[in-house]
Amino acid sequence: MPYQSFEELEVWKTARLLKNEIVELVKTFPAGEKFRLTDQLIRSSRSISTQIAEGHGRQTFPDRIRFCVIARGSLSETLNHLIHASDENYISEDKLIFFRNKITVVEKLLNGYINWLEKKAIEK
């Protein structure tokens, strides 16, 4: 299989789109949340695609898997922050459902990628 850049991975592309949508969302949060919830949401959503990219650059499949598992943790953290935003009435229930669905898509892609990496690790 020829080399594939992390930018070509569907999971990375989808995580990037999620991050971009969250960056737009937090612009609507109160100014007092700039260095609290806003910052946490941006950091956790950035971490998803960052971990996928960093893992992709690792030489062994176990290393790649480890970074993808970390990305999955960042994905859960992002959902948790969105739930907090809903609890604080910064976003509507509909907006939370919208992002929950997007997160589910990323999670499925990430789990599929992890499964693929695990199979490749066994083949080696």
Foldseek 3Di string as FASTA:
>chain_A
DDDDALVPQPLLVLLVVLLVVLLVLCVLPDPVCVVPLSVLLNVLSVLLSVLCNVLSPDDALVSNLVSLVVSLVSLVSNLVSVVVCCVVVSDDPVVSVVSVVSSVVSVVSSVVVSVVSVVVNVVD
